[in-house]
Amino acid sequence: RVVGVMCLEVTGEGIAAFRNQVNPDKLERATERFAAADH
């Protein structure tokens, strides 16, 4: 079960932002995709 997805926003100067999705309601599709993928 996917419990967190942290997206990194990368710029020429470095990592500018971390956006962390941990709301379980918004991770159900990610869990389905994870199960179907060669991870």
Full PDB file with SEQRES, HELIX, SHEET, SSBOND, CRYST1, ORIGX, SCALE, CONECT and MASTER records, all heavy atoms in Angstrom:
SEQRES   1 A   39  ARG VAL VAL GLY VAL MET CYS LEU GLU VAL THR GLY GLU          
SEQRES   2 A   39  GLY ILE ALA ALA PHE ARG ASN GLN VAL ASN PRO ASP LYS          
SEQRES   3 A   39  LEU GLU ARG ALA THR GLU ARG PHE ALA ALA ALA ASP HIS          
HELIX    1 AA1 PRO A   24  LYS A   26  5                                   3    
HELIX    2 AA2 GLU A   28  ALA A   36  1                                   9    
SHEET    1 AA1 2 VAL A   5  THR A  11  0                                        
SHEET    2 AA1 2 GLY A  14  GLN A  21 -1                                        
CRYST1    1.000    1.000    1.000  90.00  90.00  90.00 P 1           1          
ORIGX1      1.000000  0.000000  0.000000        0.00000                         
ORIGX2      0.000000  1.000000  0.000000        0.00000                         
ORIGX3      0.000000  0.000000  1.000000        0.00000                         
SCALE1      1.000000  0.000000  0.000000        0.00000                         
SCALE2      0.000000  1.000000  0.000000        0.00000                         
SCALE3      0.000000  0.000000  1.000000        0.00000                         
ATOM      1  N   ARG A   1       0.849  -1.200   0.000  1.00  0.00           N  
ATOM      2  CA  ARG A   1       0.000   0.000   0.000  1.00  0.00           C  
ATOM      3  C   ARG A   1       0.877   1.241   0.000  1.00  0.00           C  
ATOM      4  O   ARG A   1       1.748   1.399   0.851  1.00  0.00           O  
ATOM      5  CB  ARG A   1      -0.893  -0.023   1.246  1.00  0.00           C  
ATOM      6  CG  ARG A   1      -1.766   1.198   1.452  1.00  0.00           C  
ATOM      7  CD  ARG A   1      -2.698   0.966   2.642  1.00  0.00           C  
ATOM      8  NE  ARG A   1      -1.959   0.556   3.842  1.00  0.00           N  
ATOM      9  CZ  ARG A   1      -1.484   1.417   4.748  1.00  0.00           C  
ATOM     10  NH1 ARG A   1      -1.668   2.722   4.601  1.00  0.00           N  
ATOM     11  NH2 ARG A   1      -0.848   0.961   5.811  1.00  0.00           N  
ATOM     12  N   VAL A   2       0.661   2.114  -0.986  1.00  0.00           N  
ATOM     13  CA  VAL A   2       1.420   3.367  -1.036  1.00  0.00           C  
ATOM     14  C   VAL A   2       0.932   4.275   0.086  1.00  0.00           C  
ATOM     15  O   VAL A   2      -0.255   4.601   0.165  1.00  0.00           O  
ATOM     16  CB  VAL A   2       1.263   4.060  -2.405  1.00  0.00           C  
ATOM     17  CG1 VAL A   2       1.956   5.429  -2.392  1.00  0.00           C  
ATOM     18  CG2 VAL A   2       1.853   3.196  -3.515  1.00  0.00           C  
ATOM     19  N   VAL A   3       1.851   4.668   0.968  1.00  0.00           N  
ATOM     20  CA  VAL A   3       1.483   5.511   2.109  1.00  0.00           C  
ATOM     21  C   VAL A   3       2.020   6.928   1.962  1.00  0.00           C  
ATOM     22  O   VAL A   3       1.682   7.798   2.773  1.00  0.00           O  
ATOM     23  CB  VAL A   3       1.971   4.897   3.430  1.00  0.00           C  
ATOM     24  CG1 VAL A   3       1.296   3.558   3.682  1.00  0.00           C  
ATOM     25  CG2 VAL A   3       3.498   4.748   3.458  1.00  0.00           C  
ATOM     26  N   GLY A   4       2.824   7.172   0.941  1.00  0.00           N  
ATOM     27  CA  GLY A   4       3.332   8.520   0.743  1.00  0.00           C  
ATOM     28  C   GLY A   4       4.003   8.654  -0.611  1.00  0.00           C  
ATOM     29  O   GLY A   4       4.681   7.726  -1.070  1.00  0.00           O  
ATOM     30  N   VAL A   5       3.777   9.775  -1.258  1.00  0.00           N  
ATOM     31  CA  VAL A   5       4.476  10.114  -2.496  1.00  0.00           C  
ATOM     32  C   VAL A   5       5.030  11.526  -2.322  1.00  0.00           C  
ATOM     33  O   VAL A   5       4.273  12.472  -2.095  1.00  0.00           O  
ATOM     34  CB  VAL A   5       3.551  10.062  -3.727  1.00  0.00           C  
ATOM     35  CG1 VAL A   5       4.309  10.521  -4.974  1.00  0.00           C  
ATOM     36  CG2 VAL A   5       2.990   8.661  -3.930  1.00  0.00           C  
ATOM     37  N   MET A   6       6.360  11.635  -2.388  1.00  0.00           N  
ATOM     38  CA  MET A   6       7.022  12.931  -2.258  1.00  0.00           C  
ATOM     39  C   MET A   6       7.563  13.333  -3.623  1.00  0.00           C  
ATOM     40  O   MET A   6       8.460  12.688  -4.160  1.00  0.00           O  
ATOM     41  CB  MET A   6       8.165  12.850  -1.237  1.00  0.00           C  
ATOM     42  CG  MET A   6       9.001  14.114  -1.138  1.00  0.00           C  
ATOM     43  SD  MET A   6      10.455  13.902  -0.048  1.00  0.00           S  
ATOM     44  CE  MET A   6       9.650  13.913   1.563  1.00  0.00           C  
ATOM     45  N   CYS A   7       6.988  14.381  -4.207  1.00  0.00           N  
ATOM     46  CA  CYS A   7       7.426  14.875  -5.510  1.00  0.00           C  
ATOM     47  C   CYS A   7       8.468  15.971  -5.329  1.00  0.00           C  
ATOM     48  O   CYS A   7       8.269  16.900  -4.536  1.00  0.00           O  
ATOM     49  CB  CYS A   7       6.243  15.413  -6.306  1.00  0.00           C  
ATOM     50  SG  CYS A   7       5.068  14.144  -6.810  1.00  0.00           S  
ATOM     51  N   LEU A   8       9.565  15.852  -6.077  1.00  0.00           N  
ATOM     52  CA  LEU A   8      10.651  16.824  -5.991  1.00  0.00           C  
ATOM     53  C   LEU A   8      10.598  17.749  -7.201  1.00  0.00           C  
ATOM     54  O   LEU A   8      10.557  17.274  -8.345  1.00  0.00           O  
ATOM     55  CB  LEU A   8      12.018  16.124  -5.967  1.00  0.00           C  
ATOM     56  CG  LEU A   8      12.493  15.487  -4.662  1.00  0.00           C  
ATOM     57  CD1 LEU A   8      11.510  14.456  -4.137  1.00  0.00           C  
ATOM     58  CD2 LEU A   8      13.870  14.872  -4.849  1.00  0.00           C  
ATOM     59  N   GLU A   9      10.569  19.039  -6.942  1.00  0.00           N  
ATOM     60  CA  GLU A   9      10.634  20.017  -8.032  1.00  0.00           C  
ATOM     61  C   GLU A   9      12.089  20.441  -8.199  1.00  0.00           C  
ATOM     62  O   GLU A   9      12.675  21.040  -7.299  1.00  0.00           O  
ATOM     63  CB  GLU A   9       9.758  21.237  -7.727  1.00  0.00           C  
ATOM     64  CG  GLU A   9       9.772  22.264  -8.842  1.00  0.00           C  
ATOM     65  CD  GLU A   9       8.946  23.499  -8.515  1.00  0.00           C  
ATOM     66  OE1 GLU A   9       8.137  23.456  -7.567  1.00  0.00           O  
ATOM     67  OE2 GLU A   9       9.128  24.527  -9.213  1.00  0.00           O  
ATOM     68  N   VAL A  10      12.662  20.115  -9.350  1.00  0.00           N  
ATOM     69  CA  VAL A  10      14.086  20.337  -9.586  1.00  0.00           C  
ATOM     70  C   VAL A  10      14.292  21.520 -10.525  1.00  0.00           C  
ATOM     71  O   VAL A  10      13.650  21.607 -11.583  1.00  0.00           O  
ATOM     72  CB  VAL A  10      14.736  19.072 -10.180  1.00  0.00           C  
ATOM     73  CG1 VAL A  10      16.220  19.300 -10.442  1.00  0.00           C  
ATOM     74  CG2 VAL A  10      14.542  17.885  -9.245  1.00  0.00           C  
ATOM     75  N   THR A  11      15.167  22.428 -10.144  1.00  0.00           N  
ATOM     76  CA  THR A  11      15.531  23.564 -10.982  1.00  0.00           C  
ATOM     77  C   THR A  11      17.034  23.513 -11.237  1.00  0.00           C  
ATOM     78  O   THR A  11      17.745  22.648 -10.711  1.00  0.00           O  
ATOM     79  CB  THR A  11      15.188  24.900 -10.296  1.00  0.00           C  
ATOM     80  OG1 THR A  11      16.096  25.106  -9.198  1.00  0.00           O  
ATOM     81  CG2 THR A  11      13.758  24.901  -9.779  1.00  0.00           C  
ATOM     82  N   GLY A  12      17.521  24.444 -12.038  1.00  0.00           N  
ATOM     83  CA  GLY A  12      18.952  24.501 -12.314  1.00  0.00           C  
ATOM     84  C   GLY A  12      19.781  24.794 -11.088  1.00  0.00           C  
ATOM     85  O   GLY A  12      20.985  24.505 -11.046  1.00  0.00           O  
ATOM     86  N   GLU A  13      19.160  25.374 -10.051  1.00  0.00           N  
ATOM     87  CA  GLU A  13      19.890  25.736  -8.834  1.00  0.00           C  
ATOM     88  C   GLU A  13      19.813  24.668  -7.757  1.00  0.00           C  
ATOM     89  O   GLU A  13      20.507  24.740  -6.751  1.00  0.00           O  
ATOM     90  CB  GLU A  13      19.344  27.054  -8.257  1.00  0.00           C  
ATOM     91  CG  GLU A  13      19.660  28.298  -9.082  1.00  0.00           C  
ATOM     92  CD  GLU A  13      18.843  28.355 -10.356  1.00  0.00           C  
ATOM     93  OE1 GLU A  13      17.620  28.107 -10.290  1.00  0.00           O  
ATOM     94  OE2 GLU A  13      19.443  28.589 -11.428  1.00  0.00           O  
ATOM     95  N   GLY A  14      18.953  23.668  -7.946  1.00  0.00           N  
ATOM     96  CA  GLY A  14      18.812  22.629  -6.936  1.00  0.00           C  
ATOM     97  C   GLY A  14      17.351  22.232  -6.772  1.00  0.00           C  
ATOM     98  O   GLY A  14      16.490  22.591  -7.592  1.00  0.00           O  
ATOM     99  N   ILE A  15      17.063  21.503  -5.715  1.00  0.00           N  
ATOM    100  CA  ILE A  15      15.678  21.092  -5.443  1.00  0.00           C  
ATOM    101  C   ILE A  15      14.957  22.261  -4.789  1.00  0.00           C  
ATOM    102  O   ILE A  15      15.353  22.743  -3.730  1.00  0.00           O  
ATOM    103  CB  ILE A  15      15.636  19.857  -4.534  1.00  0.00           C  
ATOM    104  CG1 ILE A  15      16.422  18.702  -5.157  1.00  0.00           C  
ATOM    105  CG2 ILE A  15      14.188  19.429  -4.295  1.00  0.00           C  
ATOM    106  CD1 ILE A  15      16.572  17.496  -4.250  1.00  0.00           C  
ATOM    107  N   ALA A  16      13.883  22.716  -5.446  1.00  0.00           N  
ATOM    108  CA  ALA A  16      13.194  23.923  -4.992  1.00  0.00           C  
ATOM    109  C   ALA A  16      11.972  23.628  -4.143  1.00  0.00           C  
ATOM    110  O   ALA A  16      11.529  24.495  -3.384  1.00  0.00           O  
ATOM    111  CB  ALA A  16      12.783  24.780  -6.190  1.00  0.00           C  
ATOM    112  N   ALA A  17      11.419  22.433  -4.271  1.00  0.00           N  
ATOM    113  CA  ALA A  17      10.193  22.136  -3.517  1.00  0.00           C  
ATOM    114  C   ALA A  17      10.023  20.640  -3.327  1.00  0.00           C  
ATOM    115  O   ALA A  17      10.397  19.836  -4.189  1.00  0.00           O  
ATOM    116  CB  ALA A  17       8.970  22.707  -4.235  1.00  0.00           C  
ATOM    117  N   PHE A  18       9.467  20.302  -2.170  1.00  0.00           N  
ATOM    118  CA  PHE A  18       9.035  18.944  -1.864  1.00  0.00           C  
ATOM    119  C   PHE A  18       7.539  19.021  -1.594  1.00  0.00           C  
ATOM    120  O   PHE A  18       7.103  19.762  -0.715  1.00  0.00           O  
ATOM    121  CB  PHE A  18       9.751  18.396  -0.622  1.00  0.00           C  
ATOM    122  CG  PHE A  18      11.241  18.308  -0.767  1.00  0.00           C  
ATOM    123  CD1 PHE A  18      12.046  19.403  -0.484  1.00  0.00           C  
ATOM    124  CD2 PHE A  18      11.847  17.134  -1.183  1.00  0.00           C  
ATOM    125  CE1 PHE A  18      13.413  19.331  -0.614  1.00  0.00           C  
ATOM    126  CE2 PHE A  18      13.224  17.045  -1.312  1.00  0.00           C  
ATOM    127  CZ  PHE A  18      14.013  18.147  -1.029  1.00  0.00           C  
ATOM    128  N   ARG A  19       6.765  18.269  -2.361  1.00  0.00           N  
ATOM    129  CA  ARG A  19       5.321  18.236  -2.152  1.00  0.00           C  
ATOM    130  C   ARG A  19       4.962  16.809  -1.774  1.00  0.00           C  
ATOM    131  O   ARG A  19       5.090  15.892  -2.573  1.00  0.00           O  
ATOM    132  CB  ARG A  19       4.589  18.720  -3.405  1.00  0.00           C  
ATOM    133  CG  ARG A  19       4.885  20.189  -3.720  1.00  0.00           C  
ATOM    134  CD  ARG A  19       4.127  20.697  -4.938  1.00  0.00           C  
ATOM    135  NE  ARG A  19       4.382  22.127  -5.148  1.00  0.00           N  
ATOM    136  CZ  ARG A  19       5.382  22.614  -5.880  1.00  0.00           C  
ATOM    137  NH1 ARG A  19       6.205  21.772  -6.495  1.00  0.00           N  
ATOM    138  NH2 ARG A  19       5.553  23.908  -6.004  1.00  0.00           N  
ATOM    139  N   ASN A  20       4.515  16.648  -0.537  1.00  0.00           N  
ATOM    140  CA  ASN A  20       4.362  15.327   0.060  1.00  0.00           C  
ATOM    141  C   ASN A  20       2.888  14.962   0.208  1.00  0.00           C  
ATOM    142  O   ASN A  20       2.172  15.583   0.994  1.00  0.00           O  
ATOM    143  CB  ASN A  20       5.022  15.296   1.446  1.00  0.00           C  
ATOM    144  CG  ASN A  20       6.382  15.976   1.450  1.00  0.00           C  
ATOM    145  OD1 ASN A  20       7.212  15.692   0.601  1.00  0.00           O  
ATOM    146  ND2 ASN A  20       6.599  16.875   2.404  1.00  0.00           N  
ATOM    147  N   GLN A  21       2.451  13.973  -0.547  1.00  0.00           N  
ATOM    148  CA  GLN A  21       1.058  13.530  -0.467  1.00  0.00           C  
ATOM    149  C   GLN A  21       0.985  12.292   0.434  1.00  0.00           C  
ATOM    150  O   GLN A  21       1.525  11.239   0.108  1.00  0.00           O  
ATOM    151  CB  GLN A  21       0.529  13.193  -1.857  1.00  0.00           C  
ATOM    152  CG  GLN A  21      -0.940  12.842  -1.894  1.00  0.00           C  
ATOM    153  CD  GLN A  21      -1.827  13.912  -1.282  1.00  0.00           C  
ATOM    154  OE1 GLN A  21      -2.230  13.799  -0.118  1.00  0.00           O  
ATOM    155  NE2 GLN A  21      -2.104  14.960  -2.051  1.00  0.00           N  
ATOM    156  N   VAL A  22       0.327  12.459   1.582  1.00  0.00           N  
ATOM    157  CA  VAL A  22       0.180  11.338   2.516  1.00  0.00           C  
ATOM    158  C   VAL A  22      -1.280  11.082   2.875  1.00  0.00           C  
ATOM    159  O   VAL A  22      -1.575  10.193   3.674  1.00  0.00           O  
ATOM    160  CB  VAL A  22       1.014  11.558   3.811  1.00  0.00           C  
ATOM    161  CG1 VAL A  22       2.496  11.495   3.501  1.00  0.00           C  
ATOM    162  CG2 VAL A  22       0.669  12.888   4.487  1.00  0.00           C  
ATOM    163  N   ASN A  23      -2.187  11.846   2.288  1.00  0.00           N  
ATOM    164  CA  ASN A  23      -3.614  11.621   2.504  1.00  0.00           C  
ATOM    165  C   ASN A  23      -3.995  10.289   1.845  1.00  0.00           C  
ATOM    166  O   ASN A  23      -3.913  10.151   0.619  1.00  0.00           O  
ATOM    167  CB  ASN A  23      -4.418  12.765   1.884  1.00  0.00           C  
ATOM    168  CG  ASN A  23      -5.915  12.631   2.118  1.00  0.00           C  
ATOM    169  OD1 ASN A  23      -6.409  11.575   2.508  1.00  0.00           O  
ATOM    170  ND2 ASN A  23      -6.645  13.697   1.869  1.00  0.00           N  
ATOM    171  N   PRO A  24      -4.409   9.290   2.617  1.00  0.00           N  
ATOM    172  CA  PRO A  24      -4.681   7.961   2.032  1.00  0.00           C  
ATOM    173  C   PRO A  24      -5.760   7.988   0.955  1.00  0.00           C  
ATOM    174  O   PRO A  24      -5.744   7.154   0.042  1.00  0.00           O  
ATOM    175  CB  PRO A  24      -5.099   7.117   3.235  1.00  0.00           C  
ATOM    176  CG  PRO A  24      -5.464   8.095   4.313  1.00  0.00           C  
ATOM    177  CD  PRO A  24      -4.626   9.297   4.084  1.00  0.00           C  
ATOM    178  N   ASP A  25      -6.687   8.925   1.041  1.00  0.00           N  
ATOM    179  CA  ASP A  25      -7.744   9.021   0.033  1.00  0.00           C  
ATOM    180  C   ASP A  25      -7.172   9.361  -1.345  1.00  0.00           C  
ATOM    181  O   ASP A  25      -7.807   9.074  -2.365  1.00  0.00           O  
ATOM    182  CB  ASP A  25      -8.772  10.078   0.427  1.00  0.00           C  
ATOM    183  CG  ASP A  25      -9.561   9.694   1.661  1.00  0.00           C  
ATOM    184  OD1 ASP A  25      -9.523   8.501   2.037  1.00  0.00           O  
ATOM    185  OD2 ASP A  25     -10.202  10.573   2.261  1.00  0.00           O  
ATOM    186  N   LYS A  26      -6.011  10.016  -1.371  1.00  0.00           N  
ATOM    187  CA  LYS A  26      -5.406  10.452  -2.631  1.00  0.00           C  
ATOM    188  C   LYS A  26      -4.289   9.523  -3.091  1.00  0.00           C  
ATOM    189  O   LYS A  26      -3.540   9.868  -4.012  1.00  0.00           O  
ATOM    190  CB  LYS A  26      -4.875  11.880  -2.491  1.00  0.00           C  
ATOM    191  CG  LYS A  26      -5.947  12.913  -2.194  1.00  0.00           C  
ATOM    192  CD  LYS A  26      -5.346  14.303  -2.151  1.00  0.00           C  
ATOM    193  CE  LYS A  26      -6.389  15.357  -1.805  1.00  0.00           C  
ATOM    194  NZ  LYS A  26      -5.815  16.721  -1.824  1.00  0.00           N  
ATOM    195  N   LEU A  27      -4.168   8.372  -2.461  1.00  0.00           N  
ATOM    196  CA  LEU A  27      -3.095   7.445  -2.814  1.00  0.00           C  
ATOM    197  C   LEU A  27      -3.626   6.087  -3.299  1.00  0.00           C  
ATOM    198  O   LEU A  27      -2.837   5.178  -3.559  1.00  0.00           O  
ATOM    199  CB  LEU A  27      -2.162   7.242  -1.612  1.00  0.00           C  
ATOM    200  CG  LEU A  27      -1.391   8.497  -1.190  1.00  0.00           C  
ATOM    201  CD1 LEU A  27      -0.654   8.252   0.112  1.00  0.00           C  
ATOM    202  CD2 LEU A  27      -0.417   8.934  -2.277  1.00  0.00           C  
ATOM    203  N   GLU A  28      -4.928   5.969  -3.434  1.00  0.00           N  
ATOM    204  CA  GLU A  28      -5.500   4.688  -3.854  1.00  0.00           C  
ATOM    205  C   GLU A  28      -5.088   4.327  -5.282  1.00  0.00           C  
ATOM    206  O   GLU A  28      -4.733   3.183  -5.574  1.00  0.00           O  
ATOM    207  CB  GLU A  28      -7.024   4.730  -3.734  1.00  0.00           C  
ATOM    208  CG  GLU A  28      -7.520   4.801  -2.294  1.00  0.00           C  
ATOM    209  CD  GLU A  28      -9.025   4.879  -2.193  1.00  0.00           C  
ATOM    210  OE1 GLU A  28      -9.689   4.842  -3.257  1.00  0.00           O  
ATOM    211  OE2 GLU A  28      -9.549   4.978  -1.068  1.00  0.00           O  
ATOM    212  N   ARG A  29      -5.128   5.302  -6.180  1.00  0.00           N  
ATOM    213  CA  ARG A  29      -4.742   5.017  -7.572  1.00  0.00           C  
ATOM    214  C   ARG A  29      -3.246   4.735  -7.661  1.00  0.00           C  
ATOM    215  O   ARG A  29      -2.829   3.870  -8.449  1.00  0.00           O  
ATOM    216  CB  ARG A  29      -5.130   6.188  -8.477  1.00  0.00           C  
ATOM    217  CG  ARG A  29      -4.999   5.858  -9.960  1.00  0.00           C  
ATOM    218  CD  ARG A  29      -5.464   7.006 -10.839  1.00  0.00           C  
ATOM    219  NE  ARG A  29      -5.292   6.725 -12.247  1.00  0.00           N  
ATOM    220  CZ  ARG A  29      -6.233   6.252 -13.049  1.00  0.00           C  
ATOM    221  NH1 ARG A  29      -7.434   5.991 -12.576  1.00  0.00           N  
ATOM    222  NH2 ARG A  29      -5.980   6.046 -14.343  1.00  0.00           N  
ATOM    223  N   ALA A  30      -2.445   5.445  -6.865  1.00  0.00           N  
ATOM    224  CA  ALA A  30      -1.009   5.178  -6.848  1.00  0.00           C  
ATOM    225  C   ALA A  30      -0.737   3.748  -6.387  1.00  0.00           C  
ATOM    226  O   ALA A  30       0.155   3.068  -6.917  1.00  0.00           O  
ATOM    227  CB  ALA A  30      -0.293   6.178  -5.941  1.00  0.00           C  
ATOM    228  N   THR A  31      -1.505   3.284  -5.415  1.00  0.00           N  
ATOM    229  CA  THR A  31      -1.356   1.904  -4.942  1.00  0.00           C  
ATOM    230  C   THR A  31      -1.694   0.914  -6.056  1.00  0.00           C  
ATOM    231  O   THR A  31      -0.986  -0.085  -6.259  1.00  0.00           O  
ATOM    232  CB  THR A  31      -2.257   1.651  -3.723  1.00  0.00           C  
ATOM    233  OG1 THR A  31      -1.796   2.464  -2.630  1.00  0.00           O  
ATOM    234  CG2 THR A  31      -2.226   0.193  -3.302  1.00  0.00           C  
ATOM    235  N   GLU A  32      -2.750   1.185  -6.805  1.00  0.00           N  
ATOM    236  CA  GLU A  32      -3.129   0.311  -7.922  1.00  0.00           C  
ATOM    237  C   GLU A  32      -2.029   0.289  -8.979  1.00  0.00           C  
ATOM    238  O   GLU A  32      -1.689  -0.773  -9.518  1.00  0.00           O  
ATOM    239  CB  GLU A  32      -4.439   0.795  -8.543  1.00  0.00           C  
ATOM    240  CG  GLU A  32      -5.655   0.639  -7.638  1.00  0.00           C  
ATOM    241  CD  GLU A  32      -6.896   1.271  -8.232  1.00  0.00           C  
ATOM    242  OE1 GLU A  32      -6.821   1.760  -9.382  1.00  0.00           O  
ATOM    243  OE2 GLU A  32      -7.943   1.295  -7.548  1.00  0.00           O  
ATOM    244  N   ARG A  33      -1.484   1.454  -9.282  1.00  0.00           N  
ATOM    245  CA  ARG A  33      -0.425   1.539 -10.291  1.00  0.00           C  
ATOM    246  C   ARG A  33       0.837   0.836  -9.809  1.00  0.00           C  
ATOM    247  O   ARG A  33       1.514   0.140 -10.579  1.00  0.00           O  
ATOM    248  CB  ARG A  33      -0.127   3.014 -10.606  1.00  0.00           C  
ATOM    249  CG  ARG A  33       0.981   3.227 -11.622  1.00  0.00           C  
ATOM    250  CD  ARG A  33       0.622   2.639 -12.966  1.00  0.00           C  
ATOM    251  NE  ARG A  33       1.803   2.489 -13.810  1.00  0.00           N  
ATOM    252  CZ  ARG A  33       1.888   1.673 -14.843  1.00  0.00           C  
ATOM    253  NH1 ARG A  33       0.862   0.939 -15.188  1.00  0.00           N  
ATOM    254  NH2 ARG A  33       2.992   1.591 -15.542  1.00  0.00           N  
ATOM    255  N   PHE A  34       1.159   0.993  -8.530  1.00  0.00           N  
ATOM    256  CA  PHE A  34       2.337   0.350  -7.961  1.00  0.00           C  
ATOM    257  C   PHE A  34       2.216  -1.167  -8.082  1.00  0.00           C  
ATOM    258  O   PHE A  34       3.169  -1.853  -8.460  1.00  0.00           O  
ATOM    259  CB  PHE A  34       2.491   0.747  -6.494  1.00  0.00           C  
ATOM    260  CG  PHE A  34       3.649   0.082  -5.793  1.00  0.00           C  
ATOM    261  CD1 PHE A  34       4.921   0.609  -5.881  1.00  0.00           C  
ATOM    262  CD2 PHE A  34       3.456  -1.081  -5.054  1.00  0.00           C  
ATOM    263  CE1 PHE A  34       5.993  -0.014  -5.252  1.00  0.00           C  
ATOM    264  CE2 PHE A  34       4.511  -1.704  -4.414  1.00  0.00           C  
ATOM    265  CZ  PHE A  34       5.791  -1.169  -4.513  1.00  0.00           C  
ATOM    266  N   ALA A  35       1.035  -1.692  -7.788  1.00  0.00           N  
ATOM    267  CA  ALA A  35       0.821  -3.138  -7.843  1.00  0.00           C  
ATOM    268  C   ALA A  35       0.962  -3.665  -9.264  1.00  0.00           C  
ATOM    269  O   ALA A  35       1.417  -4.801  -9.473  1.00  0.00           O  
ATOM    270  CB  ALA A  35      -0.551  -3.486  -7.281  1.00  0.00           C  
ATOM    271  N   ALA A  36       0.585  -2.844 -10.247  1.00  0.00           N  
ATOM    272  CA  ALA A  36       0.595  -3.290 -11.640  1.00  0.00           C  
ATOM    273  C   ALA A  36       1.952  -3.108 -12.312  1.00  0.00           C  
ATOM    274  O   ALA A  36       2.196  -3.674 -13.383  1.00  0.00           O  
ATOM    275  CB  ALA A  36      -0.466  -2.525 -12.440  1.00  0.00           C  
ATOM    276  N   ALA A  37       2.837  -2.328 -11.698  1.00  0.00           N  
ATOM    277  CA  ALA A  37       4.104  -1.977 -12.326  1.00  0.00           C  
ATOM    278  C   ALA A  37       5.239  -2.889 -11.866  1.00  0.00           C  
ATOM    279  O   ALA A  37       5.161  -3.523 -10.811  1.00  0.00           O  
ATOM    280  CB  ALA A  37       4.451  -0.520 -12.007  1.00  0.00           C  
ATOM    281  N   ASP A  38       6.288  -2.924 -12.665  1.00  0.00           N  
ATOM    282  CA  ASP A  38       7.515  -3.606 -12.266  1.00  0.00           C  
ATOM    283  C   ASP A  38       8.320  -2.605 -11.437  1.00  0.00           C  
ATOM    284  O   ASP A  38       9.083  -1.809 -11.979  1.00  0.00           O  
ATOM    285  CB  ASP A  38       8.294  -4.045 -13.503  1.00  0.00           C  
ATOM    286  CG  ASP A  38       9.614  -4.725 -13.144  1.00  0.00           C  
ATOM    287  OD1 ASP A  38       9.803  -5.050 -11.956  1.00  0.00           O  
ATOM    288  OD2 ASP A  38      10.451  -4.906 -14.052  1.00  0.00           O  
ATOM    289  N   HIS A  39       8.146  -2.647 -10.123  1.00  0.00           N  
ATOM    290  CA  HIS A  39       8.747  -1.612  -9.271  1.00  0.00           C  
ATOM    291  C   HIS A  39      10.128  -1.978  -8.747  1.00  0.00           C  
ATOM    292  O   HIS A  39      10.779  -1.165  -8.096  1.00  0.00           O  
ATOM    293  CB  HIS A  39       7.813  -1.284  -8.087  1.00  0.00           C  
ATOM    294  CG  HIS A  39       7.223  -2.485  -7.434  1.00  0.00           C  
ATOM    295  ND1 HIS A  39       7.956  -3.349  -6.677  1.00  0.00           N  
ATOM    296  CD2 HIS A  39       5.950  -2.975  -7.462  1.00  0.00           C  
ATOM    297  CE1 HIS A  39       7.162  -4.321  -6.223  1.00  0.00           C  
ATOM    298  NE2 HIS A  39       5.940  -4.117  -6.694  1.00  0.00           N  
TER     299      HIS A  39                                                      
MASTER        0    0    0    2    2    0    0    6  298    1    0    3          
END                                                                             
